[in-house]
Amino acid sequence: MVPTEPPAGSWFPAARSEAVCVTPLRVVIFGTPLVLVRGSEGAPWVFEDRCPHRGAALSRGRLTAAGLACPYHGWSYGADGRCTGIPGCPDPRVTAGIRLRTYAAQERDGLVWITSNEGKPLPERIRALDPSGRRFLWQSRWQAPALDIQENFLDALHTHTVHPGLVRSGKSRREVRVTLTATGDGFQVDYEGQETQSGLLYKLFESRRTRERAHFSGLSVAQIEYGYATGRAIWITLCCTPESDRSTHLFGMLHTEGHWAPAWLIRLLVWPLVRRVARQDQVIVEHQYEQRSIFPTRRDLVMPFDIVRPHLERAWEGRADGTVPAAGLILEL
């Protein structure tokens, strides 16, 4: 079951920055409807989407000089969630103690991130990205749990069958050493021994690699990193925010370093193929979740080469303690 709020201290993207404006926006996260609105000073406000008076959705209200006004009786709320006024009731003592449930929010790299407890910084892999290197940002929603989506994204072994010819070809496998190690807020997986790749994406847009690494960071972030002999680098980042037990908001980004190509050209040439890969992943991950509902008593096999699955499960179950043991094995990719 998905918890009813983000795990304490964890940050999750709620919306693209461009979608948050003076018109209230309703987003369901961890099963709870939230309302996002950009306040008079430009910062995003995030509240539970419910007026405590009669339960009306504040996302149906409007932003006024007094704050976010409920569409039913006009009660208004300020940036800290406190009631700033009740029409028809001039006595300020009446509003004392009336306050909405609020969420801390930060904007970074085109996304509005939220948390129920601002004790931790944003995920390491988000803070490490240079916003000026972002070449595109896309949003989707898949009918599957976040854990399954992250495992699929970080799993190299499915690419030969789900993305034949696009990412890898099953006819040209080679031995690769895979090592998993702990990081400050998750883990990373290093792949050694595959300087080139057999798929169309590599042939069209890449050159000899000196680094291939996958990251899991801060519960919400999965990332693939490629470094090249030319000194260039690419980061493909997938941010997952659960909407419910079976639905997940996805925010995908591509960042580059040392590449001359402008954002519009990368979107024109690269995005159509990346979108096709994403669609293939969506189909198989949603199919996997549907199959589990048909066979609810059957358990999936987790093999030694399913290197990220146990660590993802520990993290989502709240059992991760930052001491992920190093692991190494040989795969044919």
C-alpha atoms as a PDB file:
ATOM      1  CA  MET A   1       0.000   0.000   0.000  1.00  0.00           C
ATOM      2  CA  VAL A   2       1.194   3.512  -0.823  1.00  0.00           C
ATOM      3  CA  PRO A   3       1.423   5.755   2.277  1.00  0.00           C
ATOM      4  CA  THR A   4      -0.887   8.779   2.454  1.00  0.00           C
ATOM      5  CA  GLU A   5       1.998  11.262   2.432  1.00  0.00           C
ATOM      6  CA  PRO A   6       5.616  11.377   1.224  1.00  0.00           C
ATOM      7  CA  PRO A   7       7.922   9.481   3.596  1.00  0.00           C
ATOM      8  CA  ALA A   8       9.382  11.910   6.134  1.00  0.00           C
ATOM      9  CA  GLY A   9      12.253  13.910   4.682  1.00  0.00           C
ATOM     10  CA  SER A  10      11.913  12.571   1.133  1.00  0.00           C
ATOM     11  CA  TRP A  11      11.351  14.981  -1.755  1.00  0.00           C
ATOM     12  CA  PHE A  12       9.117  14.247  -4.734  1.00  0.00           C
ATOM     13  CA  PRO A  13       8.325  16.345  -7.815  1.00  0.00           C
ATOM     14  CA  ALA A  14       4.685  17.430  -7.826  1.00  0.00           C
ATOM     15  CA  ALA A  15       4.464  19.414 -11.066  1.00  0.00           C
ATOM     16  CA  ARG A  16       6.432  21.261 -13.712  1.00  0.00           C
ATOM     17  CA  SER A  17       7.209  24.831 -12.683  1.00  0.00           C
ATOM     18  CA  GLU A  18       5.432  26.206 -15.743  1.00  0.00           C
ATOM     19  CA  ALA A  19       2.196  24.491 -14.657  1.00  0.00           C
ATOM     20  CA  VAL A  20       2.123  26.243 -11.274  1.00  0.00           C
ATOM     21  CA  CYS A  21       0.622  29.714 -11.608  1.00  0.00           C
ATOM     22  CA  VAL A  22      -2.049  31.910  -9.988  1.00  0.00           C
ATOM     23  CA  THR A  23      -4.707  29.434 -11.120  1.00  0.00           C
ATOM     24  CA  PRO A  24      -4.842  26.635  -8.506  1.00  0.00           C
ATOM     25  CA  LEU A  25      -3.608  23.235  -9.697  1.00  0.00           C
ATOM     26  CA  ARG A  26      -4.862  19.953  -8.201  1.00  0.00           C
ATOM     27  CA  VAL A  27      -2.409  17.028  -8.058  1.00  0.00           C
ATOM     28  CA  VAL A  28      -2.941  13.674  -6.331  1.00  0.00           C
ATOM     29  CA  ILE A  29       0.218  12.420  -4.607  1.00  0.00           C
ATOM     30  CA  PHE A  30       0.453   9.370  -2.340  1.00  0.00           C
ATOM     31  CA  GLY A  31      -3.339   9.122  -2.561  1.00  0.00           C
ATOM     32  CA  THR A  32      -3.864  12.642  -1.173  1.00  0.00           C
ATOM     33  CA  PRO A  33      -5.195  15.519  -3.329  1.00  0.00           C
ATOM     34  CA  LEU A  34      -2.983  18.606  -3.067  1.00  0.00           C
ATOM     35  CA  VAL A  35      -3.440  22.102  -4.415  1.00  0.00           C
ATOM     36  CA  LEU A  36      -0.495  24.080  -5.816  1.00  0.00           C
ATOM     37  CA  VAL A  37      -0.675  27.798  -6.499  1.00  0.00           C
ATOM     38  CA  ARG A  38       1.940  30.490  -7.102  1.00  0.00           C
ATOM     39  CA  GLY A  39       1.626  33.135  -4.385  1.00  0.00           C
ATOM     40  CA  SER A  40       1.849  36.872  -4.762  1.00  0.00           C
ATOM     41  CA  GLU A  41       5.632  36.823  -4.213  1.00  0.00           C
ATOM     42  CA  GLY A  42       6.162  34.135  -6.854  1.00  0.00           C
ATOM     43  CA  ALA A  43       6.861  31.155  -4.597  1.00  0.00           C
ATOM     44  CA  PRO A  44       4.712  28.003  -4.894  1.00  0.00           C
ATOM     45  CA  TRP A  45       2.274  27.241  -2.073  1.00  0.00           C
ATOM     46  CA  VAL A  46       1.285  23.614  -1.492  1.00  0.00           C
ATOM     47  CA  PHE A  47      -1.693  22.655   0.679  1.00  0.00           C
ATOM     48  CA  GLU A  48      -3.948  19.696   1.221  1.00  0.00           C
ATOM     49  CA  ASP A  49      -6.783  20.301  -1.258  1.00  0.00           C
ATOM     50  CA  ARG A  50      -9.527  20.617   1.346  1.00  0.00           C
ATOM     51  CA  CYS A  51     -11.025  23.562   3.182  1.00  0.00           C
ATOM     52  CA  PRO A  52     -11.498  22.480   6.838  1.00  0.00           C
ATOM     53  CA  HIS A  53     -14.873  24.251   7.028  1.00  0.00           C
ATOM     54  CA  ARG A  54     -17.015  22.087   4.712  1.00  0.00           C
ATOM     55  CA  GLY A  55     -14.409  20.139   2.788  1.00  0.00           C
ATOM     56  CA  ALA A  56     -14.609  21.970  -0.550  1.00  0.00           C
ATOM     57  CA  ALA A  57     -11.629  21.598  -2.885  1.00  0.00           C
ATOM     58  CA  LEU A  58      -9.447  24.697  -2.713  1.00  0.00           C
ATOM     59  CA  SER A  59      -8.248  23.937  -6.238  1.00  0.00           C
ATOM     60  CA  ARG A  60     -11.689  25.157  -7.346  1.00  0.00           C
ATOM     61  CA  GLY A  61     -11.097  28.474  -5.610  1.00  0.00           C
ATOM     62  CA  ARG A  62      -9.007  31.480  -6.634  1.00  0.00           C
ATOM     63  CA  LEU A  63      -6.039  33.514  -5.483  1.00  0.00           C
ATOM     64  CA  THR A  64      -6.979  36.904  -3.971  1.00  0.00           C
ATOM     65  CA  ALA A  65      -5.149  39.650  -2.087  1.00  0.00           C
ATOM     66  CA  ALA A  66      -6.059  37.817   1.125  1.00  0.00           C
ATOM     67  CA  GLY A  67      -4.705  34.461  -0.081  1.00  0.00           C
ATOM     68  CA  LEU A  68      -6.207  31.317  -1.592  1.00  0.00           C
ATOM     69  CA  ALA A  69      -9.999  31.609  -1.277  1.00  0.00           C
ATOM     70  CA  CYS A  70     -12.328  28.629  -0.882  1.00  0.00           C
ATOM     71  CA  PRO A  71     -14.992  28.418  -3.632  1.00  0.00           C
ATOM     72  CA  TYR A  72     -17.799  27.704  -1.118  1.00  0.00           C
ATOM     73  CA  HIS A  73     -17.788  30.369   1.616  1.00  0.00           C
ATOM     74  CA  GLY A  74     -14.714  32.346   0.602  1.00  0.00           C
ATOM     75  CA  TRP A  75     -12.478  31.493   3.565  1.00  0.00           C
ATOM     76  CA  SER A  76      -8.940  32.618   2.674  1.00  0.00           C
ATOM     77  CA  TYR A  77      -5.555  31.090   3.510  1.00  0.00           C
ATOM     78  CA  GLY A  78      -2.053  32.552   3.356  1.00  0.00           C
ATOM     79  CA  ALA A  79       1.305  31.063   2.405  1.00  0.00           C
ATOM     80  CA  ASP A  80       1.711  29.333   5.787  1.00  0.00           C
ATOM     81  CA  GLY A  81      -1.774  27.801   5.573  1.00  0.00           C
ATOM     82  CA  ARG A  82      -3.263  30.016   8.274  1.00  0.00           C
ATOM     83  CA  CYS A  83      -6.772  31.330   7.741  1.00  0.00           C
ATOM     84  CA  THR A  84      -6.523  35.032   6.898  1.00  0.00           C
ATOM     85  CA  GLY A  85     -10.208  35.855   6.837  1.00  0.00           C
ATOM     86  CA  ILE A  86     -13.804  34.647   6.854  1.00  0.00           C
ATOM     87  CA  PRO A  87     -16.252  36.779   4.860  1.00  0.00           C
ATOM     88  CA  GLY A  88     -19.113  38.003   7.028  1.00  0.00           C
ATOM     89  CA  CYS A  89     -17.181  37.425  10.246  1.00  0.00           C
ATOM     90  CA  PRO A  90     -15.055  40.478  11.132  1.00  0.00           C
ATOM     91  CA  ASP A  91     -13.815  39.203  14.504  1.00  0.00           C
ATOM     92  CA  PRO A  92     -10.180  38.043  13.911  1.00  0.00           C
ATOM     93  CA  ARG A  93     -10.332  35.813  16.989  1.00  0.00           C
ATOM     94  CA  VAL A  94     -12.598  33.429  15.061  1.00  0.00           C
ATOM     95  CA  THR A  95      -9.804  32.511  12.619  1.00  0.00           C
ATOM     96  CA  ALA A  96      -7.244  31.782  15.332  1.00  0.00           C
ATOM     97  CA  GLY A  97      -6.013  28.200  15.140  1.00  0.00           C
ATOM     98  CA  ILE A  98      -7.563  27.505  11.720  1.00  0.00           C
ATOM     99  CA  ARG A  99      -4.808  26.255   9.461  1.00  0.00           C
ATOM    100  CA  LEU A 100      -4.439  24.067   6.392  1.00  0.00           C
ATOM    101  CA  ARG A 101      -2.056  21.152   6.188  1.00  0.00           C
ATOM    102  CA  THR A 102       0.945  22.481   4.282  1.00  0.00           C
ATOM    103  CA  TYR A 103       3.904  20.958   2.441  1.00  0.00           C
ATOM    104  CA  ALA A 104       7.349  22.480   2.008  1.00  0.00           C
ATOM    105  CA  ALA A 105       8.188  23.235  -1.626  1.00  0.00           C
ATOM    106  CA  GLN A 106      11.356  23.957  -3.609  1.00  0.00           C
ATOM    107  CA  GLU A 107      11.800  24.728  -7.289  1.00  0.00           C
ATOM    108  CA  ARG A 108      14.736  23.199  -9.093  1.00  0.00           C
ATOM    109  CA  ASP A 109      15.459  22.662 -12.767  1.00  0.00           C
ATOM    110  CA  GLY A 110      11.907  23.170 -14.023  1.00  0.00           C
ATOM    111  CA  LEU A 111      10.150  21.149 -11.320  1.00  0.00           C
ATOM    112  CA  VAL A 112       8.323  21.951  -8.076  1.00  0.00           C
ATOM    113  CA  TRP A 113       9.480  19.499  -5.392  1.00  0.00           C
ATOM    114  CA  ILE A 114       7.528  18.877  -2.197  1.00  0.00           C
ATOM    115  CA  THR A 115       8.101  17.151   1.132  1.00  0.00           C
ATOM    116  CA  SER A 116       6.134  16.658   4.329  1.00  0.00           C
ATOM    117  CA  ASN A 117       9.261  17.305   6.412  1.00  0.00           C
ATOM    118  CA  GLU A 118      11.981  19.695   5.253  1.00  0.00           C
ATOM    119  CA  GLY A 119      14.717  17.998   7.219  1.00  0.00           C
ATOM    120  CA  LYS A 120      16.716  16.733   4.239  1.00  0.00           C
ATOM    121  CA  PRO A 121      18.032  18.404   1.070  1.00  0.00           C
ATOM    122  CA  LEU A 122      16.812  17.530  -2.417  1.00  0.00           C
ATOM    123  CA  PRO A 123      18.134  14.210  -3.795  1.00  0.00           C
ATOM    124  CA  GLU A 124      21.880  14.233  -4.475  1.00  0.00           C
ATOM    125  CA  ARG A 125      21.494  13.452  -8.164  1.00  0.00           C
ATOM    126  CA  ILE A 126      19.127  16.395  -8.652  1.00  0.00           C
ATOM    127  CA  ARG A 127      21.468  18.816  -6.874  1.00  0.00           C
ATOM    128  CA  ALA A 128      24.374  17.537  -8.991  1.00  0.00           C
ATOM    129  CA  LEU A 129      22.697  18.469 -12.288  1.00  0.00           C
ATOM    130  CA  ASP A 130      23.431  21.826 -13.899  1.00  0.00           C
ATOM    131  CA  PRO A 131      20.031  23.303 -14.872  1.00  0.00           C
ATOM    132  CA  SER A 132      21.639  25.076 -17.832  1.00  0.00           C
ATOM    133  CA  GLY A 133      22.447  21.664 -19.309  1.00  0.00           C
ATOM    134  CA  ARG A 134      18.820  20.499 -19.451  1.00  0.00           C
ATOM    135  CA  ARG A 135      17.748  19.799 -23.029  1.00  0.00           C
ATOM    136  CA  PHE A 136      14.186  18.614 -22.460  1.00  0.00           C
ATOM    137  CA  LEU A 137      11.654  17.851 -19.727  1.00  0.00           C
ATOM    138  CA  TRP A 138       8.616  15.623 -20.173  1.00  0.00           C
ATOM    139  CA  GLN A 139       5.803  14.423 -17.940  1.00  0.00           C
ATOM    140  CA  SER A 140       3.648  11.312 -18.029  1.00  0.00           C
ATOM    141  CA  ARG A 141       1.606   9.025 -15.789  1.00  0.00           C
ATOM    142  CA  TRP A 142       1.943   5.247 -15.845  1.00  0.00           C
ATOM    143  CA  GLN A 143      -0.395   2.652 -14.379  1.00  0.00           C
ATOM    144  CA  ALA A 144       2.298   0.898 -12.352  1.00  0.00           C
ATOM    145  CA  PRO A 145       4.091   1.286  -8.992  1.00  0.00           C
ATOM    146  CA  ALA A 146       7.105   3.591  -8.795  1.00  0.00           C
ATOM    147  CA  LEU A 147       9.386   0.747  -7.666  1.00  0.00           C
ATOM    148  CA  ASP A 148       8.678  -1.289 -10.820  1.00  0.00           C
ATOM    149  CA  ILE A 149       9.230   1.759 -13.037  1.00  0.00           C
ATOM    150  CA  GLN A 150      12.566   2.524 -11.391  1.00  0.00           C
ATOM    151  CA  GLU A 151      13.736  -1.079 -11.637  1.00  0.00           C
ATOM    152  CA  ASN A 152      12.865  -1.156 -15.319  1.00  0.00           C
ATOM    153  CA  PHE A 153      14.733   2.093 -15.951  1.00  0.00           C
ATOM    154  CA  LEU A 154      17.864   0.902 -14.125  1.00  0.00           C
ATOM    155  CA  ASP A 155      17.766  -2.677 -15.506  1.00  0.00           C
ATOM    156  CA  ALA A 156      20.046  -3.276 -18.481  1.00  0.00           C
ATOM    157  CA  LEU A 157      18.999  -6.883 -19.168  1.00  0.00           C
ATOM    158  CA  HIS A 158      15.559  -6.050 -20.596  1.00  0.00           C
ATOM    159  CA  THR A 159      16.900  -3.690 -23.261  1.00  0.00           C
ATOM    160  CA  HIS A 160      17.724  -6.433 -25.779  1.00  0.00           C
ATOM    161  CA  THR A 161      14.132  -7.733 -25.870  1.00  0.00           C
ATOM    162  CA  VAL A 162      11.981  -4.677 -25.110  1.00  0.00           C
ATOM    163  CA  HIS A 163      14.054  -2.243 -27.211  1.00  0.00           C
ATOM    164  CA  PRO A 164      15.652  -4.505 -29.874  1.00  0.00           C
ATOM    165  CA  GLY A 165      17.833  -2.496 -32.205  1.00  0.00           C
ATOM    166  CA  LEU A 166      17.085   0.812 -30.469  1.00  0.00           C
ATOM    167  CA  VAL A 167      19.121   0.359 -27.285  1.00  0.00           C
ATOM    168  CA  ARG A 168      20.847  -3.005 -27.659  1.00  0.00           C
ATOM    169  CA  SER A 169      20.852  -6.023 -29.946  1.00  0.00           C
ATOM    170  CA  GLY A 170      20.730  -9.547 -28.555  1.00  0.00           C
ATOM    171  CA  LYS A 171      23.067 -10.701 -31.333  1.00  0.00           C
ATOM    172  CA  SER A 172      26.086  -8.774 -30.092  1.00  0.00           C
ATOM    173  CA  ARG A 173      26.422  -9.328 -26.345  1.00  0.00           C
ATOM    174  CA  ARG A 174      29.693  -8.913 -24.485  1.00  0.00           C
ATOM    175  CA  GLU A 175      30.847  -9.463 -20.925  1.00  0.00           C
ATOM    176  CA  VAL A 176      30.381  -6.493 -18.609  1.00  0.00           C
ATOM    177  CA  ARG A 177      31.407  -6.227 -14.970  1.00  0.00           C
ATOM    178  CA  VAL A 178      28.639  -4.762 -12.787  1.00  0.00           C
ATOM    179  CA  THR A 179      29.326  -3.264  -9.350  1.00  0.00           C
ATOM    180  CA  LEU A 180      26.786  -1.770  -6.935  1.00  0.00           C
ATOM    181  CA  THR A 181      27.917   0.546  -4.137  1.00  0.00           C
ATOM    182  CA  ALA A 182      26.207   2.779  -1.593  1.00  0.00           C
ATOM    183  CA  THR A 183      25.956   6.561  -1.925  1.00  0.00           C
ATOM    184  CA  GLY A 184      24.840   9.227   0.529  1.00  0.00           C
ATOM    185  CA  ASP A 185      21.132   8.812  -0.234  1.00  0.00           C
ATOM    186  CA  GLY A 186      20.892   5.646  -2.325  1.00  0.00           C
ATOM    187  CA  PHE A 187      23.223   3.588  -4.505  1.00  0.00           C
ATOM    188  CA  GLN A 188      25.018   3.561  -7.836  1.00  0.00           C
ATOM    189  CA  VAL A 189      25.717   0.780 -10.320  1.00  0.00           C
ATOM    190  CA  ASP A 190      28.843   0.876 -12.509  1.00  0.00           C
ATOM    191  CA  TYR A 191      29.134  -1.020 -15.792  1.00  0.00           C
ATOM    192  CA  GLU A 192      32.671  -1.733 -17.049  1.00  0.00           C
ATOM    193  CA  GLY A 193      33.644  -3.317 -20.356  1.00  0.00           C
ATOM    194  CA  GLN A 194      31.164  -1.850 -22.826  1.00  0.00           C
ATOM    195  CA  GLU A 195      32.690   1.203 -24.467  1.00  0.00           C
ATOM    196  CA  THR A 196      30.255   0.994 -27.354  1.00  0.00           C
ATOM    197  CA  GLN A 197      26.668  -0.157 -27.684  1.00  0.00           C
ATOM    198  CA  SER A 198      24.876  -1.998 -30.469  1.00  0.00           C
ATOM    199  CA  GLY A 199      21.661   0.039 -30.688  1.00  0.00           C
ATOM    200  CA  LEU A 200      20.574   2.793 -33.059  1.00  0.00           C
ATOM    201  CA  LEU A 201      20.605   5.478 -30.346  1.00  0.00           C
ATOM    202  CA  TYR A 202      24.303   4.897 -29.707  1.00  0.00           C
ATOM    203  CA  LYS A 203      25.207   4.769 -33.394  1.00  0.00           C
ATOM    204  CA  LEU A 204      23.409   8.018 -34.192  1.00  0.00           C
ATOM    205  CA  PHE A 205      24.205  10.194 -31.177  1.00  0.00           C
ATOM    206  CA  GLU A 206      27.056   8.769 -29.099  1.00  0.00           C
ATOM    207  CA  SER A 207      30.784   8.049 -29.191  1.00  0.00           C
ATOM    208  CA  ARG A 208      33.179   5.808 -27.230  1.00  0.00           C
ATOM    209  CA  ARG A 209      32.174   5.703 -23.566  1.00  0.00           C
ATOM    210  CA  THR A 210      34.504   5.935 -20.610  1.00  0.00           C
ATOM    211  CA  ARG A 211      31.757   5.745 -17.979  1.00  0.00           C
ATOM    212  CA  GLU A 212      28.363   4.058 -17.757  1.00  0.00           C
ATOM    213  CA  ARG A 213      26.655   4.404 -14.401  1.00  0.00           C
ATOM    214  CA  ALA A 214      23.126   4.101 -12.985  1.00  0.00           C
ATOM    215  CA  HIS A 215      21.991   5.996  -9.878  1.00  0.00           C
ATOM    216  CA  PHE A 216      19.167   5.663  -7.343  1.00  0.00           C
ATOM    217  CA  SER A 217      18.886   8.801  -5.227  1.00  0.00           C
ATOM    218  CA  GLY A 218      16.552  10.022  -2.507  1.00  0.00           C
ATOM    219  CA  LEU A 219      13.778   7.470  -3.166  1.00  0.00           C
ATOM    220  CA  SER A 220      12.278   9.424  -6.078  1.00  0.00           C
ATOM    221  CA  VAL A 221      15.165   9.626  -8.569  1.00  0.00           C
ATOM    222  CA  ALA A 222      16.586   7.064 -11.004  1.00  0.00           C
ATOM    223  CA  GLN A 223      19.311   8.236 -13.346  1.00  0.00           C
ATOM    224  CA  ILE A 224      21.570   6.886 -16.093  1.00  0.00           C
ATOM    225  CA  GLU A 225      24.919   8.600 -16.696  1.00  0.00           C
ATOM    226  CA  TYR A 226      27.211   8.258 -19.720  1.00  0.00           C
ATOM    227  CA  GLY A 227      30.694   9.807 -19.926  1.00  0.00           C
ATOM    228  CA  TYR A 228      32.658   9.908 -23.176  1.00  0.00           C
ATOM    229  CA  ALA A 229      36.302   9.964 -24.269  1.00  0.00           C
ATOM    230  CA  THR A 230      35.651  13.418 -25.743  1.00  0.00           C
ATOM    231  CA  GLY A 231      34.984  14.814 -22.260  1.00  0.00           C
ATOM    232  CA  ARG A 232      31.263  15.094 -22.911  1.00  0.00           C
ATOM    233  CA  ALA A 233      28.566  13.580 -20.694  1.00  0.00           C
ATOM    234  CA  ILE A 234      24.834  12.824 -20.703  1.00  0.00           C
ATOM    235  CA  TRP A 235      22.441  12.296 -17.800  1.00  0.00           C
ATOM    236  CA  ILE A 236      18.990  10.804 -18.341  1.00  0.00           C
ATOM    237  CA  THR A 237      16.900  11.290 -15.184  1.00  0.00           C
ATOM    238  CA  LEU A 238      13.552   9.787 -14.263  1.00  0.00           C
ATOM    239  CA  CYS A 239      11.719  11.201 -11.221  1.00  0.00           C
ATOM    240  CA  CYS A 240       8.844   9.097  -9.889  1.00  0.00           C
ATOM    241  CA  THR A 241       6.059  10.325  -7.608  1.00  0.00           C
ATOM    242  CA  PRO A 242       3.370   7.801  -6.584  1.00  0.00           C
ATOM    243  CA  GLU A 243      -0.193   8.925  -7.196  1.00  0.00           C
ATOM    244  CA  SER A 244      -1.661   5.727  -5.753  1.00  0.00           C
ATOM    245  CA  ASP A 245      -0.845   2.029  -5.351  1.00  0.00           C
ATOM    246  CA  ARG A 246      -1.005   1.532  -9.101  1.00  0.00           C
ATOM    247  CA  SER A 247      -0.415   4.950 -10.645  1.00  0.00           C
ATOM    248  CA  THR A 248       2.798   6.995 -10.794  1.00  0.00           C
ATOM    249  CA  HIS A 249       3.635  10.497 -12.017  1.00  0.00           C
ATOM    250  CA  LEU A 250       6.804  10.524 -14.128  1.00  0.00           C
ATOM    251  CA  PHE A 251       9.053  13.480 -14.890  1.00  0.00           C
ATOM    252  CA  GLY A 252      11.896  12.774 -17.315  1.00  0.00           C
ATOM    253  CA  MET A 253      14.866  15.014 -18.081  1.00  0.00           C
ATOM    254  CA  LEU A 254      17.928  14.900 -20.320  1.00  0.00           C
ATOM    255  CA  HIS A 255      21.002  16.940 -19.394  1.00  0.00           C
ATOM    256  CA  THR A 256      24.221  17.273 -21.367  1.00  0.00           C
ATOM    257  CA  GLU A 257      27.700  18.616 -20.680  1.00  0.00           C
ATOM    258  CA  GLY A 258      30.131  19.655 -23.383  1.00  0.00           C
ATOM    259  CA  HIS A 259      27.625  19.169 -26.225  1.00  0.00           C
ATOM    260  CA  TRP A 260      27.272  21.944 -28.779  1.00  0.00           C
ATOM    261  CA  ALA A 261      23.778  20.960 -29.929  1.00  0.00           C
ATOM    262  CA  PRO A 262      21.036  23.387 -28.783  1.00  0.00           C
ATOM    263  CA  ALA A 263      17.976  22.149 -26.909  1.00  0.00           C
ATOM    264  CA  TRP A 264      15.662  22.507 -29.922  1.00  0.00           C
ATOM    265  CA  LEU A 265      17.906  20.352 -32.106  1.00  0.00           C
ATOM    266  CA  ILE A 266      18.225  17.605 -29.489  1.00  0.00           C
ATOM    267  CA  ARG A 267      14.441  17.634 -29.040  1.00  0.00           C
ATOM    268  CA  LEU A 268      13.990  17.401 -32.796  1.00  0.00           C
ATOM    269  CA  LEU A 269      16.447  14.559 -33.380  1.00  0.00           C
ATOM    270  CA  VAL A 270      16.698  12.627 -30.100  1.00  0.00           C
ATOM    271  CA  TRP A 271      13.272  13.022 -28.495  1.00  0.00           C
ATOM    272  CA  PRO A 272      11.290  10.947 -31.052  1.00  0.00           C
ATOM    273  CA  LEU A 273      13.514   7.905 -30.396  1.00  0.00           C
ATOM    274  CA  VAL A 274      13.612   8.452 -26.629  1.00  0.00           C
ATOM    275  CA  ARG A 275       9.810   8.756 -26.640  1.00  0.00           C
ATOM    276  CA  ARG A 276       9.569   5.432 -28.472  1.00  0.00           C
ATOM    277  CA  VAL A 277      11.817   3.767 -25.873  1.00  0.00           C
ATOM    278  CA  ALA A 278       9.707   5.251 -23.070  1.00  0.00           C
ATOM    279  CA  ARG A 279       6.519   4.000 -24.662  1.00  0.00           C
ATOM    280  CA  GLN A 280       7.945   0.467 -24.989  1.00  0.00           C
ATOM    281  CA  ASP A 281       8.911   0.556 -21.304  1.00  0.00           C
ATOM    282  CA  GLN A 282       5.469   1.812 -20.315  1.00  0.00           C
ATOM    283  CA  VAL A 283       3.736  -1.023 -22.158  1.00  0.00           C
ATOM    284  CA  ILE A 284       5.810  -3.772 -20.552  1.00  0.00           C
ATOM    285  CA  VAL A 285       5.769  -2.295 -17.010  1.00  0.00           C
ATOM    286  CA  GLU A 286       1.997  -1.772 -17.081  1.00  0.00           C
ATOM    287  CA  HIS A 287       1.597  -5.311 -18.436  1.00  0.00           C
ATOM    288  CA  GLN A 288       3.741  -6.608 -15.561  1.00  0.00           C
ATOM    289  CA  TYR A 289       1.509  -4.889 -13.005  1.00  0.00           C
ATOM    290  CA  GLU A 290      -1.647  -6.211 -14.674  1.00  0.00           C
ATOM    291  CA  GLN A 291      -0.243  -9.745 -14.567  1.00  0.00           C
ATOM    292  CA  ARG A 292       0.411  -9.431 -10.848  1.00  0.00           C
ATOM    293  CA  SER A 293      -3.253  -8.588 -10.269  1.00  0.00           C
ATOM    294  CA  ILE A 294      -4.258 -11.721 -12.200  1.00  0.00           C
ATOM    295  CA  PHE A 295      -1.892 -13.938 -10.164  1.00  0.00           C
ATOM    296  CA  PRO A 296      -1.994 -12.253  -6.723  1.00  0.00           C
ATOM    297  CA  THR A 297      -0.654 -15.239  -4.786  1.00  0.00           C
ATOM    298  CA  ARG A 298       2.410 -15.802  -7.017  1.00  0.00           C
ATOM    299  CA  ARG A 299       5.722 -14.199  -6.081  1.00  0.00           C
ATOM    300  CA  ASP A 300       8.262 -12.910  -8.564  1.00  0.00           C
ATOM    301  CA  LEU A 301      11.658 -14.574  -8.702  1.00  0.00           C
ATOM    302  CA  VAL A 302      14.511 -12.279  -7.703  1.00  0.00           C
ATOM    303  CA  MET A 303      17.767 -13.616  -9.107  1.00  0.00           C
ATOM    304  CA  PRO A 304      21.376 -12.629  -8.304  1.00  0.00           C
ATOM    305  CA  PHE A 305      21.577 -10.713 -11.582  1.00  0.00           C
ATOM    306  CA  ASP A 306      18.493  -8.637 -10.624  1.00  0.00           C
ATOM    307  CA  ILE A 307      20.996  -6.437  -8.873  1.00  0.00           C
ATOM    308  CA  VAL A 308      18.896  -3.356  -8.062  1.00  0.00           C
ATOM    309  CA  ARG A 309      15.601  -4.977  -7.035  1.00  0.00           C
ATOM    310  CA  PRO A 310      16.424  -5.922  -3.409  1.00  0.00           C
ATOM    311  CA  HIS A 311      17.869  -2.479  -2.712  1.00  0.00           C
ATOM    312  CA  LEU A 312      14.877  -0.679  -4.221  1.00  0.00           C
ATOM    313  CA  GLU A 313      12.530  -2.799  -2.114  1.00  0.00           C
ATOM    314  CA  ARG A 314      14.480  -1.999   1.048  1.00  0.00           C
ATOM    315  CA  ALA A 315      14.349   1.720   0.295  1.00  0.00           C
ATOM    316  CA  TRP A 316      10.602   1.836  -0.406  1.00  0.00           C
ATOM    317  CA  GLU A 317       9.878  -0.267   2.681  1.00  0.00           C
ATOM    318  CA  GLY A 318      11.901   2.168   4.801  1.00  0.00           C
ATOM    319  CA  ARG A 319      14.588  -0.394   5.573  1.00  0.00           C
ATOM    320  CA  ALA A 320      17.476   1.317   3.738  1.00  0.00           C
ATOM    321  CA  ASP A 321      20.210   2.343   6.159  1.00  0.00           C
ATOM    322  CA  GLY A 322      22.889   3.694   3.838  1.00  0.00           C
ATOM    323  CA  THR A 323      25.113   0.614   4.203  1.00  0.00           C
ATOM    324  CA  VAL A 324      24.331  -1.128   0.933  1.00  0.00           C
ATOM    325  CA  PRO A 325      27.060  -3.749   0.510  1.00  0.00           C
ATOM    326  CA  ALA A 326      29.210  -3.639  -2.579  1.00  0.00           C
ATOM    327  CA  ALA A 327      28.244  -6.269  -5.134  1.00  0.00           C
ATOM    328  CA  GLY A 328      29.974  -7.374  -8.308  1.00  0.00           C
ATOM    329  CA  LEU A 329      29.077  -9.836 -11.034  1.00  0.00           C
ATOM    330  CA  ILE A 330      29.588 -10.483 -14.734  1.00  0.00           C
ATOM    331  CA  LEU A 331      26.671 -10.008 -17.146  1.00  0.00           C
ATOM    332  CA  GLU A 332      26.449 -10.311 -20.909  1.00  0.00           C
ATOM    333  CA  LEU A 333      25.026  -7.051 -22.274  1.00  0.00           C
END
